[in-house]
Amino acid sequence: MASNNSVAARSTRSTGINFENGIIEFLDELRRDSPLFRRRSRSEVVNMIIEEYATNNRTLLKHSNQEGAPQSA
C-alpha cells in the first residue's frame, strides 16, 4: 500500500485559532458530506480552503518545501 510519504512534508505551526460555533459546524459538515474533505482533519480542510482562495485571487502561498520559502530554525 502506498504511503503519503512520497509528497514532500510541509512544515506546520500551531496557531491556537478559535472558530465560531457555526464555522466549526460547517467544517464538520464538509468533513462528513463532501468527498473532497472526507477523512481530513479540520486543519487540513481550513488549509485547503485558504489555498483555493489564494489561488482564485492570484496570491502565491509559499510553503517550506518551495524554493525561496523562508526556512524555520
Protein backbone atom coordinates (compact mmCIF):
# COMPACT_ATOMS: atom_id res chain seq x y z
CA MET A 1 0.00 0.00 0.00
CA ALA A 2 1.41 3.40 -1.00
CA SER A 3 2.02 5.96 1.71
CA ASN A 4 1.69 9.72 1.62
CA ASN A 5 5.43 9.99 2.28
CA SER A 6 6.04 10.50 -1.45
CA VAL A 7 4.68 14.04 -1.07
CA ALA A 8 7.17 16.47 0.45
CA ALA A 9 6.17 17.28 4.01
CA ARG A 10 5.17 20.85 4.75
CA SER A 11 6.23 22.44 7.96
CA THR A 12 3.35 23.30 10.25
CA ARG A 13 2.82 25.56 13.20
CA SER A 14 0.05 25.52 15.78
CA THR A 15 -1.74 28.87 15.97
CA GLY A 16 -4.46 28.34 18.56
CA ILE A 17 -7.15 29.88 16.36
CA ASN A 18 -10.65 29.96 17.83
CA PHE A 19 -13.59 29.45 15.46
CA GLU A 20 -17.19 30.46 15.97
CA ASN A 21 -19.57 27.54 16.52
CA GLY A 22 -21.16 27.99 13.09
CA ILE A 23 -17.75 27.70 11.39
CA ILE A 24 -16.91 24.50 13.29
CA GLU A 25 -20.29 23.04 12.33
CA PHE A 26 -19.66 23.96 8.68
CA LEU A 27 -16.20 22.35 8.73
CA ASP A 28 -17.59 19.21 10.32
CA GLU A 29 -20.40 19.11 7.72
CA LEU A 30 -17.81 19.35 4.93
CA ARG A 31 -15.80 16.54 6.51
CA ARG A 32 -18.92 14.40 6.74
CA ASP A 33 -20.65 15.15 3.43
CA SER A 34 -18.02 16.21 0.88
CA PRO A 35 -15.93 13.52 -0.82
CA LEU A 36 -13.10 16.06 -1.19
CA PHE A 37 -12.89 16.77 2.54
CA ARG A 38 -13.95 13.40 3.96
CA ARG A 39 -11.48 11.86 6.41
CA ARG A 40 -9.41 15.02 6.62
CA SER A 41 -8.72 16.94 9.80
CA ARG A 42 -10.27 20.36 10.38
CA SER A 43 -6.82 21.86 9.90
CA GLU A 44 -6.44 20.19 6.51
CA VAL A 45 -9.88 21.44 5.43
CA VAL A 46 -9.09 25.01 6.52
CA ASN A 47 -5.72 24.86 4.73
CA MET A 48 -7.37 23.60 1.54
CA ILE A 49 -10.00 26.36 1.63
CA ILE A 50 -7.35 29.05 2.17
CA GLU A 51 -5.14 27.64 -0.60
CA GLU A 52 -8.09 27.65 -3.02
CA TYR A 53 -8.99 31.21 -2.04
CA ALA A 54 -5.39 32.33 -2.59
CA THR A 55 -5.26 30.61 -5.98
CA ASN A 56 -8.54 32.19 -7.06
CA ASN A 57 -7.17 35.60 -6.04
CA ARG A 58 -3.78 35.05 -7.71
CA THR A 59 -1.88 35.03 -4.44
CA LEU A 60 1.15 32.77 -4.21
CA LEU A 61 1.47 30.94 -0.91
CA LYS A 62 4.99 29.85 -0.08
CA HIS A 63 5.49 26.51 1.60
CA SER A 64 8.66 25.39 3.32
CA ASN A 65 9.27 22.85 0.56
CA GLN A 66 9.16 25.53 -2.18
CA GLU A 67 12.27 27.29 -3.42
CA GLY A 68 12.62 30.74 -1.87
CA ALA A 69 10.35 29.99 1.07
CA PRO A 70 11.61 31.07 4.49
CA GLN A 71 13.26 28.24 6.37
CA SER A 72 12.48 27.64 10.03
CA ALA A 73 15.30 27.26 12.51
